[in-house]
Amino acid sequence: MARRRKKILDIGRFSELLRDRGYRVTKQRLAVHTAMLTLGHATADEVLEYIEDRQKGLKVSVSSVYNILSKMADMGLYNRIQGIGSRIVFDVNPGRHIHLYDSRAQLFKEIEDDELTSLIDAQLKRRTFRGYRMDRFDLHIICHPSRKKKVQ
């Protein structure tokens, strides 16, 4: 059974959804979402760095960025990923997918494989975890590049 994928929101739809849910469309929220559209997967520090590099004069702190990212994840607009170590990485793609985690570059890459995702989901739903009910699963395949890149 294939599930509908959630879509990544363009800036217009993002603004509309914020208004619909009773939130103000602020410069900071728009800057964070713009950064996430470009970065795809990022920590609050990475989003802040992106904003500071591109939007001179916009006042935003790392705690504000983290709060905005967390609120968007709580609203289901982003996914929150437990990175390696204590890093929290946010994913602009809220749909079901699997991640490759490049352990050398410390980057997440997405795998859109509906068949594999459905197989894993179905297998996990058949299992019981005493005292727990599964909400969703989050799979990271930890890997490294198989070939050295040629230096040009």
C-alpha atoms as a PDB file:
ATOM      1  CA  MET A   1       0.000   0.000   0.000  1.00  0.00           C
ATOM      2  CA  ALA A   2       1.678   3.217  -1.174  1.00  0.00           C
ATOM      3  CA  ARG A   3       1.272   6.276   1.001  1.00  0.00           C
ATOM      4  CA  ARG A   4       1.047   9.776  -0.369  1.00  0.00           C
ATOM      5  CA  ARG A   5       4.285  11.651  -0.044  1.00  0.00           C
ATOM      6  CA  LYS A   6       4.208  14.946   1.763  1.00  0.00           C
ATOM      7  CA  LYS A   7       5.531  17.714  -0.400  1.00  0.00           C
ATOM      8  CA  ILE A   8       8.299  20.161   0.321  1.00  0.00           C
ATOM      9  CA  LEU A   9       6.627  23.554   0.610  1.00  0.00           C
ATOM     10  CA  ASP A  10       7.689  26.440  -1.600  1.00  0.00           C
ATOM     11  CA  ILE A  11       7.928  29.807   0.139  1.00  0.00           C
ATOM     12  CA  GLY A  12       4.418  30.867  -0.927  1.00  0.00           C
ATOM     13  CA  ARG A  13       2.718  27.716   0.343  1.00  0.00           C
ATOM     14  CA  PHE A  14       4.836  27.854   3.510  1.00  0.00           C
ATOM     15  CA  SER A  15       3.623  31.412   4.230  1.00  0.00           C
ATOM     16  CA  GLU A  16       0.030  30.427   3.522  1.00  0.00           C
ATOM     17  CA  LEU A  17       0.225  27.438   5.872  1.00  0.00           C
ATOM     18  CA  LEU A  18       1.679  29.562   8.672  1.00  0.00           C
ATOM     19  CA  ARG A  19      -1.188  32.056   8.327  1.00  0.00           C
ATOM     20  CA  ASP A  20      -3.770  29.248   8.181  1.00  0.00           C
ATOM     21  CA  ARG A  21      -2.426  27.870  11.464  1.00  0.00           C
ATOM     22  CA  GLY A  22      -2.440  31.245  13.194  1.00  0.00           C
ATOM     23  CA  TYR A  23       1.273  32.063  12.998  1.00  0.00           C
ATOM     24  CA  ARG A  24       2.761  35.319  11.782  1.00  0.00           C
ATOM     25  CA  VAL A  25       4.877  35.219   8.643  1.00  0.00           C
ATOM     26  CA  THR A  26       8.078  36.841   9.934  1.00  0.00           C
ATOM     27  CA  LYS A  27      11.331  37.647   8.138  1.00  0.00           C
ATOM     28  CA  GLN A  28      13.089  35.166  10.419  1.00  0.00           C
ATOM     29  CA  ARG A  29      10.698  32.301   9.612  1.00  0.00           C
ATOM     30  CA  LEU A  30      10.954  33.045   5.889  1.00  0.00           C
ATOM     31  CA  ALA A  31      14.760  33.184   6.116  1.00  0.00           C
ATOM     32  CA  VAL A  32      14.893  29.834   7.939  1.00  0.00           C
ATOM     33  CA  HIS A  33      12.614  28.186   5.390  1.00  0.00           C
ATOM     34  CA  THR A  34      14.558  29.665   2.472  1.00  0.00           C
ATOM     35  CA  ALA A  35      17.749  28.249   3.995  1.00  0.00           C
ATOM     36  CA  MET A  36      16.133  24.835   4.468  1.00  0.00           C
ATOM     37  CA  LEU A  37      14.916  24.794   0.856  1.00  0.00           C
ATOM     38  CA  THR A  38      18.541  25.177  -0.235  1.00  0.00           C
ATOM     39  CA  LEU A  39      20.244  23.040   2.403  1.00  0.00           C
ATOM     40  CA  GLY A  40      17.704  20.202   2.628  1.00  0.00           C
ATOM     41  CA  HIS A  41      19.186  18.770   5.843  1.00  0.00           C
ATOM     42  CA  ALA A  42      20.730  21.122   8.391  1.00  0.00           C
ATOM     43  CA  THR A  43      21.387  21.892  12.033  1.00  0.00           C
ATOM     44  CA  ALA A  44      20.341  25.205  13.569  1.00  0.00           C
ATOM     45  CA  ASP A  45      23.972  26.370  13.378  1.00  0.00           C
ATOM     46  CA  GLU A  46      24.147  25.575   9.646  1.00  0.00           C
ATOM     47  CA  VAL A  47      20.887  27.415   8.975  1.00  0.00           C
ATOM     48  CA  LEU A  48      22.116  30.443  10.933  1.00  0.00           C
ATOM     49  CA  GLU A  49      25.390  30.444   8.979  1.00  0.00           C
ATOM     50  CA  TYR A  50      23.448  30.324   5.701  1.00  0.00           C
ATOM     51  CA  ILE A  51      21.226  33.242   6.779  1.00  0.00           C
ATOM     52  CA  GLU A  52      24.160  35.343   7.987  1.00  0.00           C
ATOM     53  CA  ASP A  53      26.008  34.790   4.697  1.00  0.00           C
ATOM     54  CA  ARG A  54      23.048  35.808   2.532  1.00  0.00           C
ATOM     55  CA  GLN A  55      20.820  38.171   4.483  1.00  0.00           C
ATOM     56  CA  LYS A  56      23.010  40.899   5.910  1.00  0.00           C
ATOM     57  CA  GLY A  57      21.246  42.960   8.542  1.00  0.00           C
ATOM     58  CA  LEU A  58      18.657  40.343   9.541  1.00  0.00           C
ATOM     59  CA  LYS A  59      18.864  39.865  13.305  1.00  0.00           C
ATOM     60  CA  VAL A  60      18.399  36.236  14.319  1.00  0.00           C
ATOM     61  CA  SER A  61      20.071  34.102  16.989  1.00  0.00           C
ATOM     62  CA  VAL A  62      20.874  30.406  16.938  1.00  0.00           C
ATOM     63  CA  SER A  63      18.240  29.822  19.636  1.00  0.00           C
ATOM     64  CA  SER A  64      15.598  31.577  17.487  1.00  0.00           C
ATOM     65  CA  VAL A  65      16.599  29.459  14.487  1.00  0.00           C
ATOM     66  CA  TYR A  66      16.406  26.295  16.601  1.00  0.00           C
ATOM     67  CA  ASN A  67      12.980  27.299  17.948  1.00  0.00           C
ATOM     68  CA  ILE A  68      11.672  27.997  14.432  1.00  0.00           C
ATOM     69  CA  LEU A  69      13.027  24.673  13.129  1.00  0.00           C
ATOM     70  CA  SER A  70      11.534  22.823  16.114  1.00  0.00           C
ATOM     71  CA  LYS A  71       8.135  24.498  15.653  1.00  0.00           C
ATOM     72  CA  MET A  72       8.128  23.555  11.943  1.00  0.00           C
ATOM     73  CA  ALA A  73       8.981  19.954  12.883  1.00  0.00           C
ATOM     74  CA  ASP A  74       6.220  19.919  15.528  1.00  0.00           C
ATOM     75  CA  MET A  75       3.794  21.176  12.847  1.00  0.00           C
ATOM     76  CA  GLY A  76       4.871  18.320  10.531  1.00  0.00           C
ATOM     77  CA  LEU A  77       6.445  20.635   7.951  1.00  0.00           C
ATOM     78  CA  TYR A  78       9.980  19.324   8.611  1.00  0.00           C
ATOM     79  CA  ASN A  79      11.370  16.129  10.062  1.00  0.00           C
ATOM     80  CA  ARG A  80      13.685  16.128  13.056  1.00  0.00           C
ATOM     81  CA  ILE A  81      16.548  13.651  12.675  1.00  0.00           C
ATOM     82  CA  GLN A  82      18.813  12.482  15.463  1.00  0.00           C
ATOM     83  CA  GLY A  83      22.201  12.899  13.857  1.00  0.00           C
ATOM     84  CA  ILE A  84      25.364  11.140  14.873  1.00  0.00           C
ATOM     85  CA  GLY A  85      26.350  12.195  18.379  1.00  0.00           C
ATOM     86  CA  SER A  86      24.057  14.781  19.896  1.00  0.00           C
ATOM     87  CA  ARG A  87      23.404  16.734  16.691  1.00  0.00           C
ATOM     88  CA  ILE A  88      19.779  17.404  15.798  1.00  0.00           C
ATOM     89  CA  VAL A  89      19.399  17.710  12.038  1.00  0.00           C
ATOM     90  CA  PHE A  90      16.234  19.046  10.452  1.00  0.00           C
ATOM     91  CA  ASP A  91      14.965  17.754   7.115  1.00  0.00           C
ATOM     92  CA  VAL A  92      12.843  19.970   4.872  1.00  0.00           C
ATOM     93  CA  ASN A  93      11.275  16.834   3.345  1.00  0.00           C
ATOM     94  CA  PRO A  94       8.520  15.697   5.736  1.00  0.00           C
ATOM     95  CA  GLY A  95       7.581  12.679   3.616  1.00  0.00           C
ATOM     96  CA  ARG A  96       8.545   9.052   4.142  1.00  0.00           C
ATOM     97  CA  HIS A  97      12.036   8.296   2.938  1.00  0.00           C
ATOM     98  CA  ILE A  98      15.309   6.679   3.979  1.00  0.00           C
ATOM     99  CA  HIS A  99      18.593   8.474   4.554  1.00  0.00           C
ATOM    100  CA  LEU A 100      22.121   7.608   3.584  1.00  0.00           C
ATOM    101  CA  TYR A 101      24.482   9.174   6.090  1.00  0.00           C
ATOM    102  CA  ASP A 102      27.903   9.840   4.609  1.00  0.00           C
ATOM    103  CA  SER A 103      30.132   9.286   7.636  1.00  0.00           C
ATOM    104  CA  ARG A 104      33.117  11.028   6.064  1.00  0.00           C
ATOM    105  CA  ALA A 105      31.368  14.185   4.878  1.00  0.00           C
ATOM    106  CA  GLN A 106      28.830  13.994   7.752  1.00  0.00           C
ATOM    107  CA  LEU A 107      25.951  14.664   5.355  1.00  0.00           C
ATOM    108  CA  PHE A 108      22.528  13.131   4.883  1.00  0.00           C
ATOM    109  CA  LYS A 109      21.306  12.148   1.412  1.00  0.00           C
ATOM    110  CA  GLU A 110      17.780  11.008   0.660  1.00  0.00           C
ATOM    111  CA  ILE A 111      16.682   7.750  -0.889  1.00  0.00           C
ATOM    112  CA  GLU A 112      13.161   7.804  -2.297  1.00  0.00           C
ATOM    113  CA  ASP A 113      12.362   4.100  -2.552  1.00  0.00           C
ATOM    114  CA  ASP A 114       8.656   3.545  -1.946  1.00  0.00           C
ATOM    115  CA  GLU A 115       8.948  -0.236  -2.268  1.00  0.00           C
ATOM    116  CA  LEU A 116      11.711  -0.542   0.342  1.00  0.00           C
ATOM    117  CA  THR A 117      10.038   1.955   2.678  1.00  0.00           C
ATOM    118  CA  SER A 118       6.722   0.070   2.447  1.00  0.00           C
ATOM    119  CA  LEU A 119       8.423  -3.282   3.110  1.00  0.00           C
ATOM    120  CA  ILE A 120      10.177  -1.974   6.219  1.00  0.00           C
ATOM    121  CA  ASP A 121       7.013  -0.232   7.439  1.00  0.00           C
ATOM    122  CA  ALA A 122       4.902  -3.380   6.961  1.00  0.00           C
ATOM    123  CA  GLN A 123       7.479  -5.566   8.728  1.00  0.00           C
ATOM    124  CA  LEU A 124       7.717  -3.220  11.698  1.00  0.00           C
ATOM    125  CA  LYS A 125       3.931  -2.920  11.996  1.00  0.00           C
ATOM    126  CA  ARG A 126       3.676  -6.716  12.303  1.00  0.00           C
ATOM    127  CA  ARG A 127       6.021  -6.601  15.295  1.00  0.00           C
ATOM    128  CA  THR A 128       4.911  -5.777  18.782  1.00  0.00           C
ATOM    129  CA  PHE A 129       7.009  -3.763  21.159  1.00  0.00           C
ATOM    130  CA  ARG A 130       5.681  -4.394  24.652  1.00  0.00           C
ATOM    131  CA  GLY A 131       4.231  -1.169  25.988  1.00  0.00           C
ATOM    132  CA  TYR A 132       4.835   0.788  22.778  1.00  0.00           C
ATOM    133  CA  ARG A 133       3.068   1.552  19.532  1.00  0.00           C
ATOM    134  CA  MET A 134       5.091   2.595  16.487  1.00  0.00           C
ATOM    135  CA  ASP A 135       4.412   6.088  15.136  1.00  0.00           C
ATOM    136  CA  ARG A 136       6.892   5.955  12.283  1.00  0.00           C
ATOM    137  CA  PHE A 137      10.374   4.734  11.594  1.00  0.00           C
ATOM    138  CA  ASP A 138      13.485   6.675  10.739  1.00  0.00           C
ATOM    139  CA  LEU A 139      16.199   4.673   8.993  1.00  0.00           C
ATOM    140  CA  HIS A 140      19.736   5.915   8.414  1.00  0.00           C
ATOM    141  CA  ILE A 141      22.129   3.822   6.381  1.00  0.00           C
ATOM    142  CA  ILE A 142      25.601   4.832   7.492  1.00  0.00           C
ATOM    143  CA  CYS A 143      28.033   4.690   4.611  1.00  0.00           C
ATOM    144  CA  HIS A 144      30.995   6.319   2.926  1.00  0.00           C
ATOM    145  CA  PRO A 145      31.812   7.007  -0.721  1.00  0.00           C
ATOM    146  CA  SER A 146      32.871   3.873  -2.573  1.00  0.00           C
ATOM    147  CA  ARG A 147      35.225   5.679  -4.941  1.00  0.00           C
ATOM    148  CA  LYS A 148      37.735   8.425  -4.536  1.00  0.00           C
ATOM    149  CA  LYS A 149      36.808  11.561  -6.401  1.00  0.00           C
ATOM    150  CA  LYS A 150      39.244  12.625  -9.090  1.00  0.00           C
ATOM    151  CA  VAL A 151      41.031  15.888  -8.431  1.00  0.00           C
ATOM    152  CA  GLN A 152      40.759  18.175 -11.436  1.00  0.00           C
END
